[in-house]
Amino acid sequence: MSIKTEAGVPILETARTVLRPHRLGDFETYAAMWAEPAVTRFIGGKPRTREESWMRFLRHAGLWSLIGYGFWAIEDKDTKRFIGEAGFHDLKREIEPSIEGVPEAGWALASEAHGQGLASEVVGRIVAWSDEALRQARTVCIIDPENGASLKVAEKNGYCEILRTTYHEKPTILLERPAGGVVPQFPTQGF
């Protein structure tokens, strides 16, 4: 079965959402989401300015064209509204151990979409896509140890804690998901 694309980005669906490329018309809602303290509490720790949101927004188009994967805008199927984003990136993070070259999962939803199971639903869909399309041995994600909600989303979708480290001088948990979601009995060596 072929997957529809828009601007070179595959269009994916879940029961309640459509995952599609970011569109210029999403920007005001996008900027409002990234200005919410509830959204940024564990992602950088402070609300983003409109300018910072614009730079982040532009990055999404570049990821897909340069590395073949990136983030999707999350659209509510019923309302057609932008409610968040999720996907994979390689941000060349200065983190030890290095995760450069490994697709890193990430997700963020507007506060109005919190607490409904949408993140688990969306992350389940993107990791299924990654298993088929990326053909990587693994994907990773990094999560603030105090972000219990995202840790649960990651765990539900096959991510397991590998180790604790720091990123930008803050405690960070590095999690890994082997392709297919099969959890290894022992942590992977040689990041």
C-alpha atoms as a PDB file:
ATOM      1  CA  MET A   1       0.000   0.000   0.000  1.00  0.00           C
ATOM      2  CA  SER A   2       1.433   3.374  -0.950  1.00  0.00           C
ATOM      3  CA  ILE A   3       1.370   6.274   1.460  1.00  0.00           C
ATOM      4  CA  LYS A   4       0.189   9.686   0.282  1.00  0.00           C
ATOM      5  CA  THR A   5       2.691  12.515   0.534  1.00  0.00           C
ATOM      6  CA  GLU A   6       2.546  16.295   0.661  1.00  0.00           C
ATOM      7  CA  ALA A   7       5.686  18.353  -0.006  1.00  0.00           C
ATOM      8  CA  GLY A   8       7.658  15.092   0.128  1.00  0.00           C
ATOM      9  CA  VAL A   9       6.358  14.250   3.604  1.00  0.00           C
ATOM     10  CA  PRO A  10       4.309  11.075   4.120  1.00  0.00           C
ATOM     11  CA  ILE A  11       0.778  11.655   5.391  1.00  0.00           C
ATOM     12  CA  LEU A  12      -0.014   9.331   8.300  1.00  0.00           C
ATOM     13  CA  GLU A  13      -3.229   8.837  10.241  1.00  0.00           C
ATOM     14  CA  THR A  14      -4.283   7.626  13.644  1.00  0.00           C
ATOM     15  CA  ALA A  15      -7.811   7.157  14.924  1.00  0.00           C
ATOM     16  CA  ARG A  16      -8.053  10.817  15.937  1.00  0.00           C
ATOM     17  CA  THR A  17      -5.296  12.642  14.065  1.00  0.00           C
ATOM     18  CA  VAL A  18      -3.702  13.309  10.708  1.00  0.00           C
ATOM     19  CA  LEU A  19       0.088  13.661  10.652  1.00  0.00           C
ATOM     20  CA  ARG A  20       1.119  15.944   7.816  1.00  0.00           C
ATOM     21  CA  PRO A  21       3.780  18.519   6.964  1.00  0.00           C
ATOM     22  CA  HIS A  22       3.718  21.852   8.723  1.00  0.00           C
ATOM     23  CA  ARG A  23       1.949  24.525   6.674  1.00  0.00           C
ATOM     24  CA  LEU A  24       2.422  28.269   6.778  1.00  0.00           C
ATOM     25  CA  GLY A  25      -1.150  28.598   8.044  1.00  0.00           C
ATOM     26  CA  ASP A  26      -0.166  26.600  11.159  1.00  0.00           C
ATOM     27  CA  PHE A  27       2.360  29.150  12.340  1.00  0.00           C
ATOM     28  CA  GLU A  28       0.267  31.357  14.631  1.00  0.00           C
ATOM     29  CA  THR A  29      -1.153  28.333  16.466  1.00  0.00           C
ATOM     30  CA  TYR A  30       2.336  26.785  16.495  1.00  0.00           C
ATOM     31  CA  ALA A  31       3.864  29.930  18.033  1.00  0.00           C
ATOM     32  CA  ALA A  32       1.075  30.075  20.619  1.00  0.00           C
ATOM     33  CA  MET A  33       1.739  26.426  21.562  1.00  0.00           C
ATOM     34  CA  TRP A  34       5.478  27.039  22.039  1.00  0.00           C
ATOM     35  CA  ALA A  35       4.699  30.103  24.182  1.00  0.00           C
ATOM     36  CA  GLU A  36       2.744  27.930  26.663  1.00  0.00           C
ATOM     37  CA  PRO A  37       4.634  27.207  29.910  1.00  0.00           C
ATOM     38  CA  ALA A  38       2.829  23.836  30.129  1.00  0.00           C
ATOM     39  CA  VAL A  39       4.378  22.846  26.775  1.00  0.00           C
ATOM     40  CA  THR A  40       7.905  24.159  27.360  1.00  0.00           C
ATOM     41  CA  ARG A  41       8.310  23.199  31.016  1.00  0.00           C
ATOM     42  CA  PHE A  42      10.331  20.092  30.128  1.00  0.00           C
ATOM     43  CA  ILE A  43      11.484  21.204  26.660  1.00  0.00           C
ATOM     44  CA  GLY A  44      13.974  23.971  27.237  1.00  0.00           C
ATOM     45  CA  GLY A  45      12.284  25.183  30.404  1.00  0.00           C
ATOM     46  CA  LYS A  46      10.940  28.480  29.105  1.00  0.00           C
ATOM     47  CA  PRO A  47       8.313  29.690  26.654  1.00  0.00           C
ATOM     48  CA  ARG A  48       9.611  30.502  23.166  1.00  0.00           C
ATOM     49  CA  THR A  49       9.354  33.903  21.571  1.00  0.00           C
ATOM     50  CA  ARG A  50       7.590  34.224  18.245  1.00  0.00           C
ATOM     51  CA  GLU A  51      11.021  34.565  16.594  1.00  0.00           C
ATOM     52  CA  GLU A  52      12.344  31.398  18.255  1.00  0.00           C
ATOM     53  CA  SER A  53       9.205  29.555  17.198  1.00  0.00           C
ATOM     54  CA  TRP A  54       9.654  30.735  13.607  1.00  0.00           C
ATOM     55  CA  MET A  55      13.207  29.346  13.456  1.00  0.00           C
ATOM     56  CA  ARG A  56      12.008  26.038  14.896  1.00  0.00           C
ATOM     57  CA  PHE A  57       9.093  25.996  12.435  1.00  0.00           C
ATOM     58  CA  LEU A  58      11.429  26.512   9.457  1.00  0.00           C
ATOM     59  CA  ARG A  59      13.687  23.676  10.610  1.00  0.00           C
ATOM     60  CA  HIS A  60      10.929  21.146   9.942  1.00  0.00           C
ATOM     61  CA  ALA A  61      10.941  21.627   6.167  1.00  0.00           C
ATOM     62  CA  GLY A  62      14.724  21.359   6.069  1.00  0.00           C
ATOM     63  CA  LEU A  63      14.889  18.101   7.988  1.00  0.00           C
ATOM     64  CA  TRP A  64      12.748  16.219   5.485  1.00  0.00           C
ATOM     65  CA  SER A  65      14.656  17.479   2.449  1.00  0.00           C
ATOM     66  CA  LEU A  66      18.126  16.961   3.932  1.00  0.00           C
ATOM     67  CA  ILE A  67      17.910  13.741   5.953  1.00  0.00           C
ATOM     68  CA  GLY A  68      14.733  12.068   4.725  1.00  0.00           C
ATOM     69  CA  TYR A  69      12.798  12.271   7.969  1.00  0.00           C
ATOM     70  CA  GLY A  70      11.525  14.971  10.264  1.00  0.00           C
ATOM     71  CA  PHE A  71       8.525  16.179  12.217  1.00  0.00           C
ATOM     72  CA  TRP A  72       4.866  16.097  11.307  1.00  0.00           C
ATOM     73  CA  ALA A  73       2.232  18.611  12.285  1.00  0.00           C
ATOM     74  CA  ILE A  74      -0.513  16.896  14.264  1.00  0.00           C
ATOM     75  CA  GLU A  75      -3.974  17.842  13.040  1.00  0.00           C
ATOM     76  CA  ASP A  76      -7.138  16.935  14.914  1.00  0.00           C
ATOM     77  CA  LYS A  77      -9.298  14.905  12.488  1.00  0.00           C
ATOM     78  CA  ASP A  78     -12.566  16.400  13.696  1.00  0.00           C
ATOM     79  CA  THR A  79     -11.646  20.077  13.978  1.00  0.00           C
ATOM     80  CA  LYS A  80      -8.812  20.166  11.394  1.00  0.00           C
ATOM     81  CA  ARG A  81      -6.837  22.285  13.892  1.00  0.00           C
ATOM     82  CA  PHE A  82      -3.092  22.065  14.506  1.00  0.00           C
ATOM     83  CA  ILE A  83      -2.661  20.555  17.981  1.00  0.00           C
ATOM     84  CA  GLY A  84       1.023  19.653  18.123  1.00  0.00           C
ATOM     85  CA  GLU A  85       3.945  17.997  16.413  1.00  0.00           C
ATOM     86  CA  ALA A  86       5.870  14.749  16.537  1.00  0.00           C
ATOM     87  CA  GLY A  87       8.577  13.052  14.552  1.00  0.00           C
ATOM     88  CA  PHE A  88      12.272  12.333  14.326  1.00  0.00           C
ATOM     89  CA  HIS A  89      15.299  14.543  13.984  1.00  0.00           C
ATOM     90  CA  ASP A  90      19.079  14.525  14.262  1.00  0.00           C
ATOM     91  CA  LEU A  91      20.013  17.782  15.968  1.00  0.00           C
ATOM     92  CA  LYS A  92      23.737  17.050  16.327  1.00  0.00           C
ATOM     93  CA  ARG A  93      23.259  17.471  20.059  1.00  0.00           C
ATOM     94  CA  GLU A  94      26.312  17.975  22.225  1.00  0.00           C
ATOM     95  CA  ILE A  95      25.375  15.165  24.586  1.00  0.00           C
ATOM     96  CA  GLU A  96      27.339  12.237  25.979  1.00  0.00           C
ATOM     97  CA  PRO A  97      27.098   9.604  24.806  1.00  0.00           C
ATOM     98  CA  SER A  98      26.641  10.917  21.294  1.00  0.00           C
ATOM     99  CA  ILE A  99      23.378  10.119  19.528  1.00  0.00           C
ATOM    100  CA  GLU A 100      24.423  11.789  16.291  1.00  0.00           C
ATOM    101  CA  GLY A 101      23.178   9.893  13.254  1.00  0.00           C
ATOM    102  CA  VAL A 102      20.441   8.088  15.197  1.00  0.00           C
ATOM    103  CA  PRO A 103      16.852   9.243  14.575  1.00  0.00           C
ATOM    104  CA  GLU A 104      15.681  10.954  17.760  1.00  0.00           C
ATOM    105  CA  ALA A 105      11.956  10.899  18.461  1.00  0.00           C
ATOM    106  CA  GLY A 106      10.217  13.917  19.900  1.00  0.00           C
ATOM    107  CA  TRP A 107       6.674  15.136  20.469  1.00  0.00           C
ATOM    108  CA  ALA A 108       4.838  18.153  21.843  1.00  0.00           C
ATOM    109  CA  LEU A 109       1.127  18.845  22.085  1.00  0.00           C
ATOM    110  CA  ALA A 110      -0.732  22.044  22.857  1.00  0.00           C
ATOM    111  CA  SER A 111      -2.009  22.035  26.431  1.00  0.00           C
ATOM    112  CA  GLU A 112      -5.603  21.665  25.181  1.00  0.00           C
ATOM    113  CA  ALA A 113      -4.601  18.235  23.826  1.00  0.00           C
ATOM    114  CA  HIS A 114      -2.883  17.005  27.012  1.00  0.00           C
ATOM    115  CA  GLY A 115      -4.291  14.126  29.031  1.00  0.00           C
ATOM    116  CA  GLN A 116      -6.271  12.480  26.213  1.00  0.00           C
ATOM    117  CA  GLY A 117      -3.845   9.754  25.166  1.00  0.00           C
ATOM    118  CA  LEU A 118      -3.081  11.558  21.909  1.00  0.00           C
ATOM    119  CA  ALA A 119       0.694  11.549  22.422  1.00  0.00           C
ATOM    120  CA  SER A 120       0.740   7.759  22.884  1.00  0.00           C
ATOM    121  CA  GLU A 121      -1.451   7.316  19.809  1.00  0.00           C
ATOM    122  CA  VAL A 122       0.720   9.571  17.645  1.00  0.00           C
ATOM    123  CA  VAL A 123       4.051   8.207  18.870  1.00  0.00           C
ATOM    124  CA  GLY A 124       2.773   4.690  18.208  1.00  0.00           C
ATOM    125  CA  ARG A 125       2.098   5.673  14.609  1.00  0.00           C
ATOM    126  CA  ILE A 126       5.431   7.407  14.000  1.00  0.00           C
ATOM    127  CA  VAL A 127       7.482   4.548  15.440  1.00  0.00           C
ATOM    128  CA  ALA A 128       5.553   2.089  13.247  1.00  0.00           C
ATOM    129  CA  TRP A 129       6.411   4.318  10.273  1.00  0.00           C
ATOM    130  CA  SER A 130      10.070   4.441  11.339  1.00  0.00           C
ATOM    131  CA  ASP A 131      10.271   0.646  11.529  1.00  0.00           C
ATOM    132  CA  GLU A 132       9.130   0.394   7.930  1.00  0.00           C
ATOM    133  CA  ALA A 133      10.582   3.502   6.312  1.00  0.00           C
ATOM    134  CA  LEU A 134      13.840   4.308   8.107  1.00  0.00           C
ATOM    135  CA  ARG A 135      15.257   0.822   8.381  1.00  0.00           C
ATOM    136  CA  GLN A 136      17.455   1.917  11.274  1.00  0.00           C
ATOM    137  CA  ALA A 137      18.512  -0.509  13.986  1.00  0.00           C
ATOM    138  CA  ARG A 138      17.125   1.833  16.633  1.00  0.00           C
ATOM    139  CA  THR A 139      15.675   5.211  17.471  1.00  0.00           C
ATOM    140  CA  VAL A 140      16.272   7.192  20.641  1.00  0.00           C
ATOM    141  CA  CYS A 141      14.632   9.932  22.663  1.00  0.00           C
ATOM    142  CA  ILE A 142      15.756  12.125  25.528  1.00  0.00           C
ATOM    143  CA  ILE A 143      13.379  13.087  28.327  1.00  0.00           C
ATOM    144  CA  ASP A 144      13.610  15.180  31.484  1.00  0.00           C
ATOM    145  CA  PRO A 145      13.433  12.781  34.466  1.00  0.00           C
ATOM    146  CA  GLU A 146      10.568  14.835  35.945  1.00  0.00           C
ATOM    147  CA  ASN A 147       8.433  14.512  32.794  1.00  0.00           C
ATOM    148  CA  GLY A 148       6.425  11.497  33.903  1.00  0.00           C
ATOM    149  CA  ALA A 149       3.833  11.866  31.139  1.00  0.00           C
ATOM    150  CA  SER A 150       6.402  11.655  28.327  1.00  0.00           C
ATOM    151  CA  LEU A 151       8.244   8.820  30.046  1.00  0.00           C
ATOM    152  CA  LYS A 152       4.963   6.847  30.048  1.00  0.00           C
ATOM    153  CA  VAL A 153       4.384   7.645  26.353  1.00  0.00           C
ATOM    154  CA  ALA A 154       7.898   6.460  25.521  1.00  0.00           C
ATOM    155  CA  GLU A 155       7.546   3.267  27.555  1.00  0.00           C
ATOM    156  CA  LYS A 156       4.165   2.421  25.975  1.00  0.00           C
ATOM    157  CA  ASN A 157       5.835   2.659  22.585  1.00  0.00           C
ATOM    158  CA  GLY A 158       8.814   0.417  23.293  1.00  0.00           C
ATOM    159  CA  TYR A 159      11.433   2.888  24.538  1.00  0.00           C
ATOM    160  CA  CYS A 160      13.580   1.750  27.458  1.00  0.00           C
ATOM    161  CA  GLU A 161      15.913   3.765  29.625  1.00  0.00           C
ATOM    162  CA  ILE A 162      19.518   3.172  28.638  1.00  0.00           C
ATOM    163  CA  LEU A 163      21.218   5.655  30.935  1.00  0.00           C
ATOM    164  CA  ARG A 164      21.031   8.982  32.705  1.00  0.00           C
ATOM    165  CA  THR A 165      23.170  11.833  31.488  1.00  0.00           C
ATOM    166  CA  THR A 166      23.058  15.618  31.305  1.00  0.00           C
ATOM    167  CA  TYR A 167      22.112  17.913  28.448  1.00  0.00           C
ATOM    168  CA  HIS A 168      22.693  21.650  28.765  1.00  0.00           C
ATOM    169  CA  GLU A 169      23.666  20.974  32.385  1.00  0.00           C
ATOM    170  CA  LYS A 170      20.273  19.432  33.179  1.00  0.00           C
ATOM    171  CA  PRO A 171      19.539  15.809  34.123  1.00  0.00           C
ATOM    172  CA  THR A 172      18.321  13.853  31.104  1.00  0.00           C
ATOM    173  CA  ILE A 173      17.236  10.276  30.498  1.00  0.00           C
ATOM    174  CA  LEU A 174      18.372   8.649  27.255  1.00  0.00           C
ATOM    175  CA  LEU A 175      15.941   6.004  26.015  1.00  0.00           C
ATOM    176  CA  GLU A 176      16.253   3.597  23.103  1.00  0.00           C
ATOM    177  CA  ARG A 177      13.765   1.660  21.009  1.00  0.00           C
ATOM    178  CA  PRO A 178      15.123  -1.129  18.822  1.00  0.00           C
ATOM    179  CA  ALA A 179      13.509  -1.395  15.396  1.00  0.00           C
ATOM    180  CA  GLY A 180      10.314  -3.376  15.739  1.00  0.00           C
ATOM    181  CA  GLY A 181      10.013  -2.408  19.380  1.00  0.00           C
ATOM    182  CA  VAL A 182      11.741  -5.522  20.674  1.00  0.00           C
ATOM    183  CA  VAL A 183      13.283  -4.516  23.965  1.00  0.00           C
ATOM    184  CA  PRO A 184      16.825  -5.864  24.445  1.00  0.00           C
ATOM    185  CA  GLN A 185      17.597  -7.783  27.629  1.00  0.00           C
ATOM    186  CA  PHE A 186      20.782  -5.796  28.131  1.00  0.00           C
ATOM    187  CA  PRO A 187      21.500  -2.142  27.339  1.00  0.00           C
ATOM    188  CA  THR A 188      23.153  -1.542  23.993  1.00  0.00           C
ATOM    189  CA  GLN A 189      26.874  -0.873  24.284  1.00  0.00           C
ATOM    190  CA  GLY A 190      28.976   1.431  22.161  1.00  0.00           C
ATOM    191  CA  PHE A 191      26.773   4.429  21.523  1.00  0.00           C
END
